[in-house]
Amino acid sequence: MRTRLTQLPRPLAYVVLGLVAAAIILLLLIAMGRAPAVPADAAVAVVPEGDLVSYQRIIERMRGGADYYSAAHEVLVADGYGTRSVFNWRTPAWPLLLAALPPGWGQGVLAAMALVGLLLVYRMLRQDGGVLVAVLSMLAVGLSLGGIVAPSSVVFSEVAAGTLILVSVAAYGNGWRIAGLLVGLLALFLRELAAPYVVVAIVLAARERRWGEVGAWALGLVAYAVYFGWHWWMVSQQLGPMDRAYGDGWLQFGGLGFIFATAGFNGLWSLGPVWLPAILLPIGLLGLWAWPKGTLALATVVVFVVLFAAVGKPFNYYWGALYAPVLMLGLGWAAVAMWEVVRLR
């Protein structure tokens, strides 16, 4: 099998591997200066306890008959959130679904989404790279999605949106563009932070002159604008003298430290040592680049990583759930590509 790495002249391939090694060393230095994002005895990586408890309480109130916005307002104000910004209010689609289902069923929905993603990943990569790449990458992605074994992970729309982004990437990779588009839009409706993926998909569709697909994305974005505009209006109806704004914004320029933290929020991989993301992030990116048809996956991860270098507060490291499963697609490709370079030495 030929990857982008093995298509390079051998000296240049070794230069690429050297750059990856340098990136690993740099991230390891960052890792050595960081405390673990979660306690060592945690079952899986979890979101900050404040957010977890707050949104569990919101969903409990909704199951008791409260509407989303009154329940969210009561809890967010009581817990000290900056409620004057609409971006501190999650859009209601995922909480509404969880509240409508019996306890525990939401985790089943998320598990079903993950299973669909894994099956699509295997089919896509078996066609592109053979059984070895497909199995290795499927195992890596499975560990990333394995965080759903923690019931608390279901509460957060980032986990659901990240799973849907993976399903969308795999649907595109299998040639099912309409399915990929619809699932990508669904991820956006669950969490506005899926927007970078949508932008990447639109840019790639336009670059390849798939104008019908661009038009379909445009219609979906119009629908989303209406949805978010309604959300904004509903939030504004709740605001009163008890609401406050945060003193600082989302533009924090956390740089490599925050990128490392988001990469560490990676399902069952988070059970590993604190320095493991320092290896997984560069190797995953190498693999996505080496994958000849991996442009959508690579661009998605790169855009999220670059964005998170500037945007996000330290406790938002769980945003890594949006891109970590897609990043893990690259591990199988990286292993095969590096082996081919060494074997051909």
Protein backbone atom coordinates (compact mmCIF):
# COMPACT_ATOMS: atom_id res chain seq x y z
CA MET A 1 0.00 0.00 0.00
CA ARG A 2 1.23 3.47 -0.81
CA THR A 3 0.78 6.32 1.63
CA ARG A 4 1.73 9.94 1.20
CA LEU A 5 4.75 9.31 3.41
CA THR A 6 6.11 6.48 1.30
CA GLN A 7 5.52 8.46 -1.88
CA LEU A 8 8.11 10.99 -0.72
CA PRO A 9 11.82 10.63 -1.48
CA ARG A 10 13.32 8.68 1.38
CA PRO A 11 15.38 11.59 2.83
CA LEU A 12 12.29 13.77 2.88
CA ALA A 13 10.28 10.98 4.54
CA TYR A 14 12.86 10.87 7.31
CA VAL A 15 12.61 14.66 7.66
CA VAL A 16 8.85 14.31 8.18
CA LEU A 17 9.39 11.61 10.80
CA GLY A 18 11.98 13.85 12.47
CA LEU A 19 9.46 16.70 12.68
CA VAL A 20 6.92 14.34 14.23
CA ALA A 21 9.52 13.23 16.78
CA ALA A 22 10.29 16.88 17.59
CA ALA A 23 6.57 17.58 18.10
CA ILE A 24 6.32 14.60 20.44
CA ILE A 25 9.29 15.82 22.48
CA LEU A 26 7.82 19.33 22.73
CA LEU A 27 4.46 18.00 23.89
CA LEU A 28 6.16 15.65 26.36
CA LEU A 29 7.87 18.65 27.92
CA ILE A 30 4.46 20.30 28.28
CA ALA A 31 3.02 17.09 29.72
CA MET A 32 5.69 16.83 32.38
CA GLY A 33 4.67 20.23 33.70
CA ARG A 34 0.97 19.49 33.87
CA ALA A 35 -1.21 17.87 36.51
CA PRO A 36 -3.59 15.18 35.24
CA ALA A 37 -6.86 16.62 33.91
CA VAL A 38 -8.79 14.01 35.92
CA PRO A 39 -8.00 11.98 39.04
CA ALA A 40 -5.90 8.89 38.45
CA ASP A 41 -8.66 6.65 39.78
CA ALA A 42 -11.34 8.04 37.45
CA ALA A 43 -12.98 5.46 35.21
CA VAL A 44 -12.68 7.67 32.14
CA ALA A 45 -12.06 11.30 31.43
CA VAL A 46 -14.97 13.37 32.62
CA VAL A 47 -15.94 16.96 32.18
CA PRO A 48 -15.45 19.43 35.04
CA GLU A 49 -17.66 18.55 37.99
CA GLY A 50 -19.41 21.94 37.95
CA ASP A 51 -20.67 21.52 34.39
CA LEU A 52 -21.51 17.87 34.98
CA VAL A 53 -23.59 18.51 38.09
CA SER A 54 -25.26 21.59 36.63
CA TYR A 55 -26.49 19.90 33.47
CA GLN A 56 -27.58 16.79 35.33
CA ARG A 57 -29.73 19.04 37.51
CA ILE A 58 -31.15 20.79 34.44
CA ILE A 59 -32.16 17.48 32.89
CA GLU A 60 -33.68 16.29 36.17
CA ARG A 61 -35.82 19.44 36.32
CA MET A 62 -36.92 18.88 32.73
CA ARG A 63 -37.97 15.33 33.57
CA GLY A 64 -39.99 16.83 36.38
CA GLY A 65 -41.93 18.98 33.91
CA ALA A 66 -39.90 22.19 33.63
CA ASP A 67 -39.10 23.60 30.21
CA TYR A 68 -35.46 23.74 29.16
CA TYR A 69 -34.91 27.49 29.40
CA SER A 70 -36.48 28.04 32.82
CA ALA A 71 -34.64 24.99 34.20
CA ALA A 72 -31.33 26.09 32.67
CA HIS A 73 -31.74 29.65 33.90
CA GLU A 74 -32.46 28.59 37.46
CA VAL A 75 -29.49 26.23 37.62
CA LEU A 76 -26.98 28.36 35.73
CA VAL A 77 -27.68 31.45 37.85
CA ALA A 78 -27.51 29.43 41.07
CA ASP A 79 -24.20 27.90 40.00
CA GLY A 80 -22.60 31.22 39.08
CA TYR A 81 -22.49 30.96 35.28
CA GLY A 82 -22.17 34.04 33.10
CA THR A 83 -25.69 33.80 31.74
CA ARG A 84 -25.71 37.09 29.86
CA SER A 85 -23.84 35.44 26.99
CA VAL A 86 -25.98 33.13 24.87
CA PHE A 87 -22.89 30.97 24.33
CA ASN A 88 -23.02 29.92 27.98
CA TRP A 89 -26.39 28.33 27.28
CA ARG A 90 -26.17 25.09 25.35
CA THR A 91 -28.67 24.76 22.54
CA PRO A 92 -31.61 22.63 23.69
CA ALA A 93 -31.71 19.69 21.25
CA TRP A 94 -29.56 17.23 23.22
CA PRO A 95 -30.96 18.05 26.70
CA LEU A 96 -34.51 17.77 25.29
CA LEU A 97 -33.73 14.31 23.90
CA LEU A 98 -32.17 13.13 27.15
CA ALA A 99 -35.06 14.47 29.22
CA ALA A 100 -37.60 12.77 26.94
CA LEU A 101 -35.93 9.36 27.32
CA PRO A 102 -35.97 7.18 30.44
CA PRO A 103 -32.76 7.35 32.50
CA GLY A 104 -30.02 5.32 30.85
CA TRP A 105 -31.55 5.31 27.40
CA GLY A 106 -29.52 8.30 26.30
CA GLN A 107 -26.38 6.25 26.87
CA GLY A 108 -27.88 3.56 24.62
CA VAL A 109 -28.52 6.14 21.89
CA LEU A 110 -24.92 7.32 22.14
CA ALA A 111 -23.65 3.72 22.05
CA ALA A 112 -25.70 3.05 18.91
CA MET A 113 -24.21 6.13 17.26
CA ALA A 114 -20.73 4.96 18.20
CA LEU A 115 -21.37 1.47 16.81
CA VAL A 116 -22.56 2.90 13.50
CA GLY A 117 -19.42 5.04 13.39
CA LEU A 118 -17.14 2.07 14.02
CA LEU A 119 -18.79 -0.04 11.31
CA LEU A 120 -18.51 2.79 8.81
CA VAL A 121 -14.88 3.35 9.79
CA TYR A 122 -14.02 -0.29 9.18
CA ARG A 123 -15.76 -0.34 5.79
CA MET A 124 -14.09 2.90 4.71
CA LEU A 125 -10.55 2.00 5.77
CA ARG A 126 -10.72 -1.59 4.56
CA GLN A 127 -11.39 -0.20 1.10
CA ASP A 128 -8.73 2.51 1.35
CA GLY A 129 -5.93 0.75 3.21
CA GLY A 130 -6.74 -2.91 3.73
CA VAL A 131 -7.66 -4.99 6.73
CA LEU A 132 -4.61 -4.09 8.88
CA VAL A 133 -5.18 -0.34 8.68
CA ALA A 134 -8.91 -0.82 9.20
CA VAL A 135 -8.49 -3.00 12.29
CA LEU A 136 -5.81 -0.82 13.91
CA SER A 137 -7.72 2.41 13.33
CA MET A 138 -11.03 0.85 14.36
CA LEU A 139 -9.49 -0.25 17.66
CA ALA A 140 -8.02 3.21 18.23
CA VAL A 141 -11.34 4.90 17.47
CA GLY A 142 -13.18 2.37 19.64
CA LEU A 143 -11.04 3.28 22.63
CA SER A 144 -11.73 6.96 21.96
CA LEU A 145 -15.48 6.36 21.83
CA GLY A 146 -15.28 4.08 24.87
CA GLY A 147 -15.74 7.05 27.18
CA ILE A 148 -19.48 6.55 26.79
CA VAL A 149 -19.22 3.74 29.38
CA ALA A 150 -19.33 6.58 31.91
CA PRO A 151 -23.01 7.61 32.29
CA SER A 152 -21.92 11.19 32.97
CA SER A 153 -20.48 11.52 29.46
CA VAL A 154 -23.98 11.31 27.98
CA VAL A 155 -24.98 14.61 29.56
CA PHE A 156 -22.69 16.62 27.33
CA SER A 157 -23.48 17.46 23.75
CA GLU A 158 -19.76 17.67 22.84
CA VAL A 159 -19.48 13.89 23.16
CA ALA A 160 -22.57 13.33 21.01
CA ALA A 161 -21.49 15.93 18.44
CA GLY A 162 -17.98 14.48 18.23
CA THR A 163 -19.42 11.01 17.64
CA LEU A 164 -21.63 12.39 14.87
CA ILE A 165 -18.67 14.19 13.28
CA LEU A 166 -16.87 10.85 13.12
CA VAL A 167 -19.97 9.21 11.57
CA SER A 168 -20.17 12.03 9.02
CA VAL A 169 -16.48 11.72 8.08
CA ALA A 170 -16.88 7.96 7.67
CA ALA A 171 -20.06 8.38 5.62
CA TYR A 172 -18.22 10.73 3.27
CA GLY A 173 -15.32 8.29 3.12
CA ASN A 174 -17.72 5.53 2.04
CA GLY A 175 -19.06 7.76 -0.74
CA TRP A 176 -22.37 8.50 0.99
CA ARG A 177 -22.26 12.26 0.70
CA ILE A 178 -25.90 12.98 1.49
CA ALA A 179 -25.68 10.93 4.67
CA GLY A 180 -22.42 12.66 5.60
CA LEU A 181 -24.00 16.06 5.07
CA LEU A 182 -27.13 15.29 7.10
CA VAL A 183 -25.18 13.81 10.00
CA GLY A 184 -22.80 16.78 9.95
CA LEU A 185 -25.76 19.15 10.20
CA LEU A 186 -27.18 17.09 13.06
CA ALA A 187 -23.87 17.48 14.92
CA LEU A 188 -24.15 21.25 14.44
CA PHE A 189 -27.71 21.30 15.80
CA LEU A 190 -26.52 19.42 18.89
CA ARG A 191 -23.56 21.75 19.54
CA GLU A 192 -22.57 24.93 17.73
CA LEU A 193 -18.92 24.02 18.31
CA ALA A 194 -19.30 21.53 15.44
CA ALA A 195 -19.26 24.56 13.10
CA PRO A 196 -15.54 24.20 12.19
CA TYR A 197 -16.28 20.74 10.76
CA VAL A 198 -19.18 22.11 8.72
CA VAL A 199 -16.96 24.87 7.34
CA VAL A 200 -14.29 22.34 6.35
CA ALA A 201 -16.85 20.15 4.58
CA ILE A 202 -18.26 23.13 2.68
CA VAL A 203 -14.82 24.39 1.62
CA LEU A 204 -13.82 20.94 0.33
CA ALA A 205 -17.13 20.56 -1.53
CA ALA A 206 -16.62 23.96 -3.16
CA ARG A 207 -13.01 23.17 -4.05
CA GLU A 208 -14.20 20.03 -5.84
CA ARG A 209 -17.04 21.99 -7.51
CA ARG A 210 -19.79 19.91 -5.93
CA TRP A 211 -22.19 22.83 -6.13
CA GLY A 212 -25.29 20.80 -5.35
CA GLU A 213 -23.71 19.75 -2.07
CA VAL A 214 -22.70 23.34 -1.32
CA GLY A 215 -26.29 24.40 -1.92
CA ALA A 216 -27.58 21.70 0.42
CA TRP A 217 -25.15 22.85 3.11
CA ALA A 218 -26.39 26.43 2.58
CA LEU A 219 -30.00 25.36 3.13
CA GLY A 220 -28.98 23.52 6.26
CA LEU A 221 -27.16 26.58 7.56
CA VAL A 222 -30.23 28.73 6.95
CA ALA A 223 -32.26 26.27 9.02
CA TYR A 224 -29.61 26.36 11.72
CA ALA A 225 -29.58 30.18 11.73
CA VAL A 226 -33.33 30.14 12.38
CA TYR A 227 -32.85 27.57 15.16
CA PHE A 228 -30.03 29.49 16.83
CA GLY A 229 -31.88 32.78 16.43
CA TRP A 230 -34.86 31.25 18.25
CA HIS A 231 -32.48 29.94 20.92
CA TRP A 232 -31.00 33.41 21.32
CA TRP A 233 -34.47 34.94 21.70
CA MET A 234 -35.52 32.32 24.27
CA VAL A 235 -32.39 33.01 26.30
CA SER A 236 -33.05 36.76 26.21
CA GLN A 237 -36.53 36.18 27.67
CA GLN A 238 -34.97 34.63 30.77
CA LEU A 239 -32.49 37.39 31.57
CA GLY A 240 -33.02 39.65 34.56
CA PRO A 241 -31.17 41.50 37.32
CA MET A 242 -29.66 38.28 38.72
CA ASP A 243 -27.81 37.51 35.48
CA ARG A 244 -24.19 38.45 35.06
CA ALA A 245 -21.48 38.31 32.42
CA TYR A 246 -18.05 36.78 32.76
CA GLY A 247 -15.22 39.24 33.14
CA ASP A 248 -13.20 37.57 30.39
CA GLY A 249 -14.15 36.10 27.03
CA TRP A 250 -13.53 32.84 25.22
CA LEU A 251 -10.42 34.15 23.46
CA GLN A 252 -7.77 32.87 25.89
CA PHE A 253 -4.80 31.92 23.68
CA GLY A 254 -4.10 28.79 25.68
CA GLY A 255 -1.71 27.64 22.97
CA LEU A 256 -0.07 24.22 23.13
CA GLY A 257 -1.08 23.74 26.74
CA PHE A 258 -4.79 23.91 25.98
CA ILE A 259 -4.35 21.87 22.79
CA PHE A 260 -2.64 19.19 24.86
CA ALA A 261 -5.48 19.25 27.39
CA THR A 262 -8.15 18.82 24.70
CA ALA A 263 -6.20 15.99 23.09
CA GLY A 264 -6.16 14.28 26.47
CA PHE A 265 -9.95 14.15 26.64
CA ASN A 266 -10.05 10.98 24.58
CA GLY A 267 -12.30 8.31 26.03
CA LEU A 268 -10.55 5.22 27.37
CA TRP A 269 -7.20 6.52 26.10
CA SER A 270 -7.47 8.95 29.03
CA LEU A 271 -6.78 6.05 31.38
CA GLY A 272 -3.20 6.06 30.14
CA PRO A 273 -0.35 8.12 31.54
CA VAL A 274 -0.61 11.89 31.46
CA TRP A 275 1.98 12.09 28.68
CA LEU A 276 0.12 9.76 26.28
CA PRO A 277 -1.58 12.60 24.31
CA ALA A 278 1.91 13.93 23.52
CA ILE A 279 2.39 10.81 21.39
CA LEU A 280 -1.15 10.30 20.11
CA LEU A 281 -1.65 13.82 18.74
CA PRO A 282 1.43 14.02 16.45
CA ILE A 283 1.16 10.35 15.40
CA GLY A 284 -2.55 10.74 14.66
CA LEU A 285 -1.92 13.83 12.54
CA LEU A 286 0.88 12.04 10.70
CA GLY A 287 -1.47 9.16 9.91
CA LEU A 288 -4.28 11.40 8.69
CA TRP A 289 -1.82 13.14 6.39
CA ALA A 290 -0.36 9.83 5.18
CA TRP A 291 -3.87 8.57 4.33
CA PRO A 292 -4.27 9.42 0.61
CA LYS A 293 -8.01 10.07 0.99
CA GLY A 294 -7.85 11.58 4.45
CA THR A 295 -8.19 15.24 3.51
CA LEU A 296 -11.53 15.77 5.25
CA ALA A 297 -10.41 14.06 8.45
CA LEU A 298 -7.03 15.83 8.49
CA ALA A 299 -8.50 19.26 7.80
CA THR A 300 -11.13 18.75 10.49
CA VAL A 301 -8.58 17.94 13.18
CA VAL A 302 -6.17 20.68 12.11
CA VAL A 303 -8.90 23.34 12.16
CA PHE A 304 -10.06 22.30 15.62
CA VAL A 305 -6.49 22.21 16.95
CA VAL A 306 -5.65 25.64 15.53
CA LEU A 307 -8.92 27.07 16.84
CA PHE A 308 -8.33 25.68 20.32
CA ALA A 309 -4.89 27.29 20.42
CA ALA A 310 -6.77 30.59 20.78
CA VAL A 311 -10.32 29.81 21.93
CA GLY A 312 -11.39 28.07 25.12
CA LYS A 313 -10.98 28.50 28.85
CA PRO A 314 -8.84 26.01 30.78
CA PHE A 315 -11.87 24.08 32.06
CA ASN A 316 -13.16 23.63 28.48
CA TYR A 317 -10.66 20.86 27.78
CA TYR A 318 -13.59 18.47 27.24
CA TRP A 319 -14.08 20.19 23.86
CA GLY A 320 -11.48 17.67 22.71
CA ALA A 321 -14.35 15.18 22.39
CA LEU A 322 -15.27 17.01 19.17
CA TYR A 323 -12.14 15.94 17.30
CA ALA A 324 -10.45 13.12 19.24
CA PRO A 325 -12.35 10.22 17.55
CA VAL A 326 -11.44 11.56 14.10
CA LEU A 327 -7.82 12.02 15.17
CA MET A 328 -7.66 8.35 16.13
CA LEU A 329 -8.44 7.38 12.52
CA GLY A 330 -4.82 8.22 11.78
CA LEU A 331 -3.15 5.71 14.10
CA GLY A 332 -3.51 2.73 11.75
CA TRP A 333 -2.22 4.74 8.80
CA ALA A 334 0.71 6.09 10.82
CA ALA A 335 1.77 2.60 11.94
CA VAL A 336 1.70 1.24 8.39
CA ALA A 337 3.38 4.30 6.87
CA MET A 338 6.26 4.33 9.38
CA TRP A 339 6.77 0.58 8.99
CA GLU A 340 6.98 0.95 5.21
CA VAL A 341 9.61 3.68 5.48
CA VAL A 342 11.72 1.61 7.89
CA ARG A 343 11.26 -1.59 5.86
CA LEU A 344 12.37 0.12 2.65
CA ARG A 345 15.50 1.51 4.28
